[in-house]
């Protein structure tokens, strides 16, 4: 499984209401057809980040297909409506532990 993590830094405006009501449904609409299996939002009290989004895909190719979707630029442009900066974006392989 492959994970996409989008991390929003502390000290930067983040409109949680807009994010949950508008942005996350937009992401689901764009990435859903490409096989996003699970999404989660984690809020942090004391960390370099205030919020982290995780989207889980079956494979690196499924994630790449989602990122190449013609509507992905719409998702990226929407960030400015709830966050005053550019989030850190990380991708990786989820490793199953014994």
PDB file of N, CA and C in Angstrom:
ATOM      1  N   UNK A   1       0.845  -1.171   0.000  1.00  0.00           N
ATOM      2  CA  UNK A   1       0.000   0.000   0.000  1.00  0.00           C
ATOM      3  C   UNK A   1       0.892   1.235   0.000  1.00  0.00           C
ATOM      4  N   UNK A   2       0.414   2.266  -0.667  1.00  0.00           N
ATOM      5  CA  UNK A   2       1.150   3.528  -0.792  1.00  0.00           C
ATOM      6  C   UNK A   2       0.356   4.627  -0.101  1.00  0.00           C
ATOM      7  N   UNK A   3       1.073   5.529   0.567  1.00  0.00           N
ATOM      8  CA  UNK A   3       0.401   6.609   1.278  1.00  0.00           C
ATOM      9  C   UNK A   3       0.873   7.963   0.757  1.00  0.00           C
ATOM     10  N   UNK A   4      -0.077   8.871   0.650  1.00  0.00           N
ATOM     11  CA  UNK A   4       0.182  10.278   0.342  1.00  0.00           C
ATOM     12  C   UNK A   4      -0.084  11.046   1.625  1.00  0.00           C
ATOM     13  N   UNK A   5       0.893  11.806   2.081  1.00  0.00           N
ATOM     14  CA  UNK A   5       0.720  12.614   3.288  1.00  0.00           C
ATOM     15  C   UNK A   5       0.894  14.084   2.916  1.00  0.00           C
ATOM     16  N   UNK A   6      -0.060  14.890   3.351  1.00  0.00           N
ATOM     17  CA  UNK A   6      -0.012  16.330   3.129  1.00  0.00           C
ATOM     18  C   UNK A   6      -0.022  16.969   4.519  1.00  0.00           C
ATOM     19  N   UNK A   7       1.054  17.697   4.835  1.00  0.00           N
ATOM     20  CA  UNK A   7       1.283  18.208   6.187  1.00  0.00           C
ATOM     21  C   UNK A   7       1.216  19.732   6.207  1.00  0.00           C
ATOM     22  N   UNK A   8       0.351  20.249   7.072  1.00  0.00           N
ATOM     23  CA  UNK A   8       0.117  21.680   7.192  1.00  0.00           C
ATOM     24  C   UNK A   8       0.796  22.196   8.462  1.00  0.00           C
ATOM     25  N   UNK A   9       1.699  23.155   8.298  1.00  0.00           N
ATOM     26  CA  UNK A   9       2.540  23.646   9.393  1.00  0.00           C
ATOM     27  C   UNK A   9       1.766  24.488  10.410  1.00  0.00           C
ATOM     28  N   UNK A  10       2.230  24.417  11.672  1.00  0.00           N
ATOM     29  CA  UNK A  10       1.739  25.301  12.732  1.00  0.00           C
ATOM     30  C   UNK A  10       2.113  26.739  12.390  1.00  0.00           C
ATOM     31  N   UNK A  11       1.346  27.683  12.913  1.00  0.00           N
ATOM     32  CA  UNK A  11       1.666  29.093  12.751  1.00  0.00           C
ATOM     33  C   UNK A  11       1.224  29.677  11.429  1.00  0.00           C
ATOM     34  N   UNK A  12       0.487  28.909  10.647  1.00  0.00           N
ATOM     35  CA  UNK A  12      -0.007  29.364   9.349  1.00  0.00           C
ATOM     36  C   UNK A  12      -1.531  29.197   9.371  1.00  0.00           C
ATOM     37  N   UNK A  13      -2.253  30.181   8.859  1.00  0.00           N
ATOM     38  CA  UNK A  13      -3.722  30.104   8.864  1.00  0.00           C
ATOM     39  C   UNK A  13      -4.194  28.807   8.223  1.00  0.00           C
ATOM     40  N   UNK A  14      -5.076  28.117   8.939  1.00  0.00           N
ATOM     41  CA  UNK A  14      -5.676  26.879   8.461  1.00  0.00           C
ATOM     42  C   UNK A  14      -7.148  26.902   8.862  1.00  0.00           C
ATOM     43  N   UNK A  15      -8.037  26.952   7.882  1.00  0.00           N
ATOM     44  CA  UNK A  15      -9.475  27.008   8.123  1.00  0.00           C
ATOM     45  C   UNK A  15     -10.022  25.578   8.113  1.00  0.00           C
ATOM     46  N   UNK A  16     -10.131  25.011   9.313  1.00  0.00           N
ATOM     47  CA  UNK A  16     -10.555  23.611   9.434  1.00  0.00           C
ATOM     48  C   UNK A  16     -11.973  23.390   8.906  1.00  0.00           C
ATOM     49  N   UNK A  17     -12.858  24.357   9.122  1.00  0.00           N
ATOM     50  CA  UNK A  17     -14.229  24.231   8.633  1.00  0.00           C
ATOM     51  C   UNK A  17     -14.285  24.079   7.121  1.00  0.00           C
ATOM     52  N   UNK A  18     -13.564  24.952   6.419  1.00  0.00           N
ATOM     53  CA  UNK A  18     -13.526  24.861   4.953  1.00  0.00           C
ATOM     54  C   UNK A  18     -12.870  23.551   4.525  1.00  0.00           C
ATOM     55  N   UNK A  19     -11.784  23.210   5.190  1.00  0.00           N
ATOM     56  CA  UNK A  19     -11.033  22.004   4.845  1.00  0.00           C
ATOM     57  C   UNK A  19     -11.920  20.755   4.906  1.00  0.00           C
ATOM     58  N   UNK A  20     -12.658  20.613   5.999  1.00  0.00           N
ATOM     59  CA  UNK A  20     -13.469  19.408   6.152  1.00  0.00           C
ATOM     60  C   UNK A  20     -14.750  19.448   5.315  1.00  0.00           C
ATOM     61  N   UNK A  21     -15.342  20.625   5.158  1.00  0.00           N
ATOM     62  CA  UNK A  21     -16.610  20.726   4.429  1.00  0.00           C
ATOM     63  C   UNK A  21     -16.454  20.801   2.915  1.00  0.00           C
ATOM     64  N   UNK A  22     -15.372  21.398   2.447  1.00  0.00           N
ATOM     65  CA  UNK A  22     -15.215  21.638   1.007  1.00  0.00           C
ATOM     66  C   UNK A  22     -14.023  20.909   0.387  1.00  0.00           C
ATOM     67  N   UNK A  23     -12.840  21.061   1.015  1.00  0.00           N
ATOM     68  CA  UNK A  23     -11.636  20.531   0.383  1.00  0.00           C
ATOM     69  C   UNK A  23     -11.602  19.004   0.394  1.00  0.00           C
ATOM     70  N   UNK A  24     -11.872  18.389   1.522  1.00  0.00           N
ATOM     71  CA  UNK A  24     -11.813  16.926   1.581  1.00  0.00           C
ATOM     72  C   UNK A  24     -12.816  16.263   0.632  1.00  0.00           C
ATOM     73  N   UNK A  25     -14.058  16.768   0.498  1.00  0.00           N
ATOM     74  CA  UNK A  25     -14.948  16.196  -0.510  1.00  0.00           C
ATOM     75  C   UNK A  25     -14.422  16.364  -1.944  1.00  0.00           C
ATOM     76  N   UNK A  26     -13.760  17.489  -2.219  1.00  0.00           N
ATOM     77  CA  UNK A  26     -13.149  17.690  -3.536  1.00  0.00           C
ATOM     78  C   UNK A  26     -12.067  16.638  -3.780  1.00  0.00           C
ATOM     79  N   UNK A  27     -11.217  16.432  -2.787  1.00  0.00           N
ATOM     80  CA  UNK A  27     -10.157  15.417  -2.898  1.00  0.00           C
ATOM     81  C   UNK A  27     -10.775  14.044  -3.142  1.00  0.00           C
ATOM     82  N   UNK A  28     -11.810  13.704  -2.392  1.00  0.00           N
ATOM     83  CA  UNK A  28     -12.462  12.403  -2.555  1.00  0.00           C
ATOM     84  C   UNK A  28     -13.039  12.245  -3.961  1.00  0.00           C
ATOM     85  N   UNK A  29     -13.597  13.314  -4.495  1.00  0.00           N
ATOM     86  CA  UNK A  29     -14.163  13.257  -5.839  1.00  0.00           C
ATOM     87  C   UNK A  29     -13.126  13.055  -6.920  1.00  0.00           C
ATOM     88  N   UNK A  30     -11.944  13.615  -6.718  1.00  0.00           N
ATOM     89  CA  UNK A  30     -10.877  13.489  -7.719  1.00  0.00           C
ATOM     90  C   UNK A  30     -10.115  12.180  -7.536  1.00  0.00           C
ATOM     91  N   UNK A  31      -9.755  11.850  -6.298  1.00  0.00           N
ATOM     92  CA  UNK A  31      -8.917  10.673  -6.058  1.00  0.00           C
ATOM     93  C   UNK A  31      -9.709   9.372  -5.942  1.00  0.00           C
ATOM     94  N   UNK A  32     -10.988   9.463  -5.576  1.00  0.00           N
ATOM     95  CA  UNK A  32     -11.812   8.261  -5.412  1.00  0.00           C
ATOM     96  C   UNK A  32     -11.799   7.326  -6.607  1.00  0.00           C
ATOM     97  N   UNK A  33     -11.995   7.830  -7.817  1.00  0.00           N
ATOM     98  CA  UNK A  33     -11.980   6.949  -8.983  1.00  0.00           C
ATOM     99  C   UNK A  33     -10.621   6.283  -9.244  1.00  0.00           C
ATOM    100  N   UNK A  34      -9.581   6.772  -8.597  1.00  0.00           N
ATOM    101  CA  UNK A  34      -8.239   6.200  -8.781  1.00  0.00           C
ATOM    102  C   UNK A  34      -7.880   5.224  -7.660  1.00  0.00           C
ATOM    103  N   UNK A  35      -8.845   4.887  -6.830  1.00  0.00           N
ATOM    104  CA  UNK A  35      -8.638   3.829  -5.860  1.00  0.00           C
ATOM    105  C   UNK A  35      -8.127   4.243  -4.505  1.00  0.00           C
ATOM    106  N   UNK A  36      -8.364   5.485  -4.084  1.00  0.00           N
ATOM    107  CA  UNK A  36      -7.992   5.825  -2.714  1.00  0.00           C
ATOM    108  C   UNK A  36      -8.839   4.935  -1.802  1.00  0.00           C
ATOM    109  N   UNK A  37      -8.192   4.207  -0.909  1.00  0.00           N
ATOM    110  CA  UNK A  37      -8.870   3.222  -0.070  1.00  0.00           C
ATOM    111  C   UNK A  37      -9.332   3.788   1.262  1.00  0.00           C
ATOM    112  N   UNK A  38      -8.566   4.716   1.773  1.00  0.00           N
ATOM    113  CA  UNK A  38      -8.859   5.266   3.093  1.00  0.00           C
ATOM    114  C   UNK A  38      -8.232   6.643   3.161  1.00  0.00           C
ATOM    115  N   UNK A  39      -8.905   7.561   3.839  1.00  0.00           N
ATOM    116  CA  UNK A  39      -8.322   8.871   4.108  1.00  0.00           C
ATOM    117  C   UNK A  39      -8.467   9.151   5.600  1.00  0.00           C
ATOM    118  N   UNK A  40      -7.540   9.939   6.123  1.00  0.00           N
ATOM    119  CA  UNK A  40      -7.632  10.335   7.520  1.00  0.00           C
ATOM    120  C   UNK A  40      -7.021  11.706   7.702  1.00  0.00           C
ATOM    121  N   UNK A  41      -7.524  12.389   8.721  1.00  0.00           N
ATOM    122  CA  UNK A  41      -7.020  13.702   9.101  1.00  0.00           C
ATOM    123  C   UNK A  41      -6.568  13.587  10.552  1.00  0.00           C
ATOM    124  N   UNK A  42      -5.336  13.987  10.818  1.00  0.00           N
ATOM    125  CA  UNK A  42      -4.792  13.943  12.172  1.00  0.00           C
ATOM    126  C   UNK A  42      -4.464  15.373  12.576  1.00  0.00           C
ATOM    127  N   UNK A  43      -4.952  15.780  13.761  1.00  0.00           N
ATOM    128  CA  UNK A  43      -4.653  17.104  14.307  1.00  0.00           C
ATOM    129  C   UNK A  43      -3.595  16.942  15.393  1.00  0.00           C
ATOM    130  N   UNK A  44      -2.608  17.846  15.383  1.00  0.00           N
ATOM    131  CA  UNK A  44      -1.518  17.822  16.352  1.00  0.00           C
ATOM    132  C   UNK A  44      -1.582  19.052  17.241  1.00  0.00           C
ATOM    133  N   UNK A  45      -1.264  18.876  18.522  1.00  0.00           N
ATOM    134  CA  UNK A  45      -1.198  20.011  19.444  1.00  0.00           C
ATOM    135  C   UNK A  45       0.189  20.639  19.446  1.00  0.00           C
ATOM    136  N   UNK A  46       1.210  19.809  19.513  1.00  0.00           N
ATOM    137  CA  UNK A  46       2.586  20.313  19.607  1.00  0.00           C
ATOM    138  C   UNK A  46       3.467  19.514  18.661  1.00  0.00           C
ATOM    139  N   UNK A  47       3.611  20.015  17.492  1.00  0.00           N
ATOM    140  CA  UNK A  47       4.442  19.358  16.481  1.00  0.00           C
ATOM    141  C   UNK A  47       4.782  20.404  15.428  1.00  0.00           C
ATOM    142  N   UNK A  48       5.636  20.068  14.490  1.00  0.00           N
ATOM    143  CA  UNK A  48       5.864  21.047  13.432  1.00  0.00           C
ATOM    144  C   UNK A  48       4.611  21.263  12.585  1.00  0.00           C
ATOM    145  N   UNK A  49       3.661  20.319  12.660  1.00  0.00           N
ATOM    146  CA  UNK A  49       2.452  20.414  11.847  1.00  0.00           C
ATOM    147  C   UNK A  49       1.216  20.512  12.732  1.00  0.00           C
ATOM    148  N   UNK A  50       0.218  21.236  12.234  1.00  0.00           N
ATOM    149  CA  UNK A  50      -1.057  21.321  12.940  1.00  0.00           C
ATOM    150  C   UNK A  50      -2.037  20.265  12.452  1.00  0.00           C
ATOM    151  N   UNK A  51      -1.938  19.903  11.169  1.00  0.00           N
ATOM    152  CA  UNK A  51      -2.829  18.907  10.576  1.00  0.00           C
ATOM    153  C   UNK A  51      -2.040  18.104   9.550  1.00  0.00           C
ATOM    154  N   UNK A  52      -2.358  16.813   9.485  1.00  0.00           N
ATOM    155  CA  UNK A  52      -1.774  15.961   8.447  1.00  0.00           C
ATOM    156  C   UNK A  52      -2.892  15.139   7.817  1.00  0.00           C
ATOM    157  N   UNK A  53      -2.961  15.190   6.505  1.00  0.00           N
ATOM    158  CA  UNK A  53      -3.887  14.361   5.736  1.00  0.00           C
ATOM    159  C   UNK A  53      -3.129  13.146   5.247  1.00  0.00           C
ATOM    160  N   UNK A  54      -3.767  11.979   5.301  1.00  0.00           N
ATOM    161  CA  UNK A  54      -3.192  10.765   4.715  1.00  0.00           C
ATOM    162  C   UNK A  54      -4.223  10.132   3.806  1.00  0.00           C
ATOM    163  N   UNK A  55      -3.803   9.786   2.605  1.00  0.00           N
ATOM    164  CA  UNK A  55      -4.636   9.051   1.657  1.00  0.00           C
ATOM    165  C   UNK A  55      -3.903   7.779   1.269  1.00  0.00           C
ATOM    166  N   UNK A  56      -4.586   6.652   1.373  1.00  0.00           N
ATOM    167  CA  UNK A  56      -3.967   5.348   1.148  1.00  0.00           C
ATOM    168  C   UNK A  56      -4.438   4.755  -0.176  1.00  0.00           C
ATOM    169  N   UNK A  57      -3.477   4.308  -0.977  1.00  0.00           N
ATOM    170  CA  UNK A  57      -3.729   3.737  -2.298  1.00  0.00           C
ATOM    171  C   UNK A  57      -3.148   2.329  -2.359  1.00  0.00           C
ATOM    172  N   UNK A  58      -3.694   1.496  -3.241  1.00  0.00           N
ATOM    173  CA  UNK A  58      -3.219   0.116  -3.369  1.00  0.00           C
ATOM    174  C   UNK A  58      -1.789   0.017  -3.884  1.00  0.00           C
ATOM    175  N   UNK A  59      -1.373   1.006  -4.684  1.00  0.00           N
ATOM    176  CA  UNK A  59      -0.052   0.901  -5.319  1.00  0.00           C
ATOM    177  C   UNK A  59       0.486   2.288  -5.647  1.00  0.00           C
ATOM    178  N   UNK A  60       1.797   2.365  -5.888  1.00  0.00           N
ATOM    179  CA  UNK A  60       2.360   3.647  -6.343  1.00  0.00           C
ATOM    180  C   UNK A  60       1.719   4.120  -7.648  1.00  0.00           C
ATOM    181  N   UNK A  61       1.386   3.178  -8.530  1.00  0.00           N
ATOM    182  CA  UNK A  61       0.777   3.559  -9.803  1.00  0.00           C
ATOM    183  C   UNK A  61      -0.599   4.179  -9.603  1.00  0.00           C
ATOM    184  N   UNK A  62      -1.373   3.634  -8.666  1.00  0.00           N
ATOM    185  CA  UNK A  62      -2.694   4.207  -8.379  1.00  0.00           C
ATOM    186  C   UNK A  62      -2.554   5.644  -7.881  1.00  0.00           C
ATOM    187  N   UNK A  63      -1.578   5.886  -7.014  1.00  0.00           N
ATOM    188  CA  UNK A  63      -1.333   7.252  -6.538  1.00  0.00           C
ATOM    189  C   UNK A  63      -0.914   8.151  -7.696  1.00  0.00           C
ATOM    190  N   UNK A  64      -0.009   7.682  -8.535  1.00  0.00           N
ATOM    191  CA  UNK A  64       0.437   8.486  -9.678  1.00  0.00           C
ATOM    192  C   UNK A  64      -0.723   8.808 -10.611  1.00  0.00           C
ATOM    193  N   UNK A  65      -1.612   7.838 -10.819  1.00  0.00           N
ATOM    194  CA  UNK A  65      -2.789   8.091 -11.661  1.00  0.00           C
ATOM    195  C   UNK A  65      -3.661   9.188 -11.049  1.00  0.00           C
ATOM    196  N   UNK A  66      -3.824   9.158  -9.732  1.00  0.00           N
ATOM    197  CA  UNK A  66      -4.607  10.193  -9.060  1.00  0.00           C
ATOM    198  C   UNK A  66      -3.951  11.561  -9.223  1.00  0.00           C
ATOM    199  N   UNK A  67      -2.629  11.614  -9.055  1.00  0.00           N
ATOM    200  CA  UNK A  67      -1.928  12.887  -9.160  1.00  0.00           C
ATOM    201  C   UNK A  67      -1.916  13.436 -10.579  1.00  0.00           C
ATOM    202  N   UNK A  68      -2.073  12.564 -11.568  1.00  0.00           N
ATOM    203  CA  UNK A  68      -2.105  12.982 -12.967  1.00  0.00           C
ATOM    204  C   UNK A  68      -3.514  13.283 -13.465  1.00  0.00           C
ATOM    205  N   UNK A  69      -4.502  13.113 -12.603  1.00  0.00           N
ATOM    206  CA  UNK A  69      -5.884  13.381 -12.994  1.00  0.00           C
ATOM    207  C   UNK A  69      -5.994  14.827 -13.474  1.00  0.00           C
ATOM    208  N   UNK A  70      -6.781  15.092 -14.510  1.00  0.00           N
ATOM    209  CA  UNK A  70      -6.930  16.460 -15.006  1.00  0.00           C
ATOM    210  C   UNK A  70      -7.483  17.445 -13.975  1.00  0.00           C
ATOM    211  N   UNK A  71      -8.140  16.954 -12.922  1.00  0.00           N
ATOM    212  CA  UNK A  71      -8.701  17.834 -11.893  1.00  0.00           C
ATOM    213  C   UNK A  71      -7.742  18.055 -10.720  1.00  0.00           C
ATOM    214  N   UNK A  72      -6.581  17.409 -10.699  1.00  0.00           N
ATOM    215  CA  UNK A  72      -5.642  17.608  -9.595  1.00  0.00           C
ATOM    216  C   UNK A  72      -5.208  19.069  -9.466  1.00  0.00           C
ATOM    217  N   UNK A  73      -4.996  19.818 -10.557  1.00  0.00           N
ATOM    218  CA  UNK A  73      -4.683  21.243 -10.392  1.00  0.00           C
ATOM    219  C   UNK A  73      -5.792  22.009  -9.654  1.00  0.00           C
ATOM    220  N   UNK A  74      -7.039  21.592  -9.808  1.00  0.00           N
ATOM    221  CA  UNK A  74      -8.150  22.204  -9.079  1.00  0.00           C
ATOM    222  C   UNK A  74      -7.997  21.948  -7.570  1.00  0.00           C
ATOM    223  N   UNK A  75      -7.584  20.733  -7.213  1.00  0.00           N
ATOM    224  CA  UNK A  75      -7.343  20.395  -5.807  1.00  0.00           C
ATOM    225  C   UNK A  75      -6.224  21.270  -5.254  1.00  0.00           C
ATOM    226  N   UNK A  76      -5.158  21.392  -6.003  1.00  0.00           N
ATOM    227  CA  UNK A  76      -4.011  22.191  -5.544  1.00  0.00           C
ATOM    228  C   UNK A  76      -4.383  23.668  -5.400  1.00  0.00           C
ATOM    229  N   UNK A  77      -5.130  24.209  -6.345  1.00  0.00           N
ATOM    230  CA  UNK A  77      -5.532  25.624  -6.287  1.00  0.00           C
ATOM    231  C   UNK A  77      -6.461  25.888  -5.105  1.00  0.00           C
ATOM    232  N   UNK A  78      -7.212  24.888  -4.695  1.00  0.00           N
ATOM    233  CA  UNK A  78      -8.152  25.047  -3.585  1.00  0.00           C
ATOM    234  C   UNK A  78      -7.445  25.254  -2.247  1.00  0.00           C
ATOM    235  N   UNK A  79      -6.193  24.835  -2.135  1.00  0.00           N
ATOM    236  CA  UNK A  79      -5.439  24.964  -0.881  1.00  0.00           C
ATOM    237  C   UNK A  79      -5.421  26.414  -0.400  1.00  0.00           C
ATOM    238  N   UNK A  80      -5.285  27.349  -1.311  1.00  0.00           N
ATOM    239  CA  UNK A  80      -5.213  28.775  -0.929  1.00  0.00           C
ATOM    240  C   UNK A  80      -6.485  29.270  -0.252  1.00  0.00           C
ATOM    241  N   UNK A  81      -7.572  28.551  -0.389  1.00  0.00           N
ATOM    242  CA  UNK A  81      -8.834  28.966   0.229  1.00  0.00           C
ATOM    243  C   UNK A  81      -8.884  28.643   1.724  1.00  0.00           C
ATOM    244  N   UNK A  82      -8.002  27.757   2.198  1.00  0.00           N
ATOM    245  CA  UNK A  82      -8.043  27.408   3.619  1.00  0.00           C
ATOM    246  C   UNK A  82      -6.680  27.440   4.307  1.00  0.00           C
ATOM    247  N   UNK A  83      -5.595  27.645   3.546  1.00  0.00           N
ATOM    248  CA  UNK A  83      -4.253  27.579   4.132  1.00  0.00           C
ATOM    249  C   UNK A  83      -3.376  28.633   3.480  1.00  0.00           C
ATOM    250  N   UNK A  84      -2.658  29.415   4.290  1.00  0.00           N
ATOM    251  CA  UNK A  84      -1.793  30.480   3.780  1.00  0.00           C
ATOM    252  C   UNK A  84      -0.351  29.994   3.639  1.00  0.00           C
ATOM    253  N   UNK A  85      -0.124  29.061   2.788  1.00  0.00           N
ATOM    254  CA  UNK A  85       1.213  28.534   2.554  1.00  0.00           C
ATOM    255  C   UNK A  85       1.133  27.324   1.643  1.00  0.00           C
ATOM    256  N   UNK A  86       2.252  26.675   1.477  1.00  0.00           N
ATOM    257  CA  UNK A  86       2.281  25.418   0.726  1.00  0.00           C
ATOM    258  C   UNK A  86       2.602  24.293   1.704  1.00  0.00           C
ATOM    259  N   UNK A  87       1.748  23.283   1.760  1.00  0.00           N
ATOM    260  CA  UNK A  87       2.006  22.184   2.682  1.00  0.00           C
ATOM    261  C   UNK A  87       3.171  21.326   2.202  1.00  0.00           C
ATOM    262  N   UNK A  88       3.740  20.574   3.135  1.00  0.00           N
ATOM    263  CA  UNK A  88       4.743  19.573   2.786  1.00  0.00           C
ATOM    264  C   UNK A  88       4.004  18.331   2.311  1.00  0.00           C
ATOM    265  N   UNK A  89       4.475  17.741   1.214  1.00  0.00           N
ATOM    266  CA  UNK A  89       3.842  16.560   0.648  1.00  0.00           C
ATOM    267  C   UNK A  89       4.855  15.423   0.648  1.00  0.00           C
ATOM    268  N   UNK A  90       4.441  14.296   1.199  1.00  0.00           N
ATOM    269  CA  UNK A  90       5.293  13.113   1.301  1.00  0.00           C
ATOM    270  C   UNK A  90       4.544  11.917   0.749  1.00  0.00           C
ATOM    271  N   UNK A  91       5.274  11.020   0.105  1.00  0.00           N
ATOM    272  CA  UNK A  91       4.687   9.750  -0.320  1.00  0.00           C
ATOM    273  C   UNK A  91       5.590   8.632   0.167  1.00  0.00           C
ATOM    274  N   UNK A  92       4.988   7.475   0.400  1.00  0.00           N
ATOM    275  CA  UNK A  92       5.797   6.355   0.870  1.00  0.00           C
ATOM    276  C   UNK A  92       5.036   5.053   0.814  1.00  0.00           C
ATOM    277  N   UNK A  93       5.753   4.012   1.115  1.00  0.00           N
ATOM    278  CA  UNK A  93       5.200   2.662   1.157  1.00  0.00           C
ATOM    279  C   UNK A  93       4.848   2.317   2.598  1.00  0.00           C
ATOM    280  N   UNK A  94       3.653   1.816   2.804  1.00  0.00           N
ATOM    281  CA  UNK A  94       3.245   1.364   4.126  1.00  0.00           C
ATOM    282  C   UNK A  94       3.804  -0.036   4.321  1.00  0.00           C
ATOM    283  N   UNK A  95       4.563  -0.218   5.383  1.00  0.00           N
ATOM    284  CA  UNK A  95       5.220  -1.491   5.654  1.00  0.00           C
ATOM    285  C   UNK A  95       4.425  -2.220   6.736  1.00  0.00           C
ATOM    286  N   UNK A  96       3.999  -3.427   6.430  1.00  0.00           N
ATOM    287  CA  UNK A  96       3.275  -4.234   7.417  1.00  0.00           C
ATOM    288  C   UNK A  96       4.257  -4.756   8.434  1.00  0.00           C
ATOM    289  N   UNK A  97       3.899  -4.620   9.701  1.00  0.00           N
ATOM    290  CA  UNK A  97       4.766  -5.103  10.782  1.00  0.00           C
ATOM    291  C   UNK A  97       4.310  -6.497  11.204  1.00  0.00           C
ATOM    292  N   UNK A  98       5.263  -7.323  11.638  1.00  0.00           N
ATOM    293  CA  UNK A  98       4.890  -8.684  12.039  1.00  0.00           C
ATOM    294  C   UNK A  98       4.041  -8.703  13.293  1.00  0.00           C
TER     295      UNK A  98
END
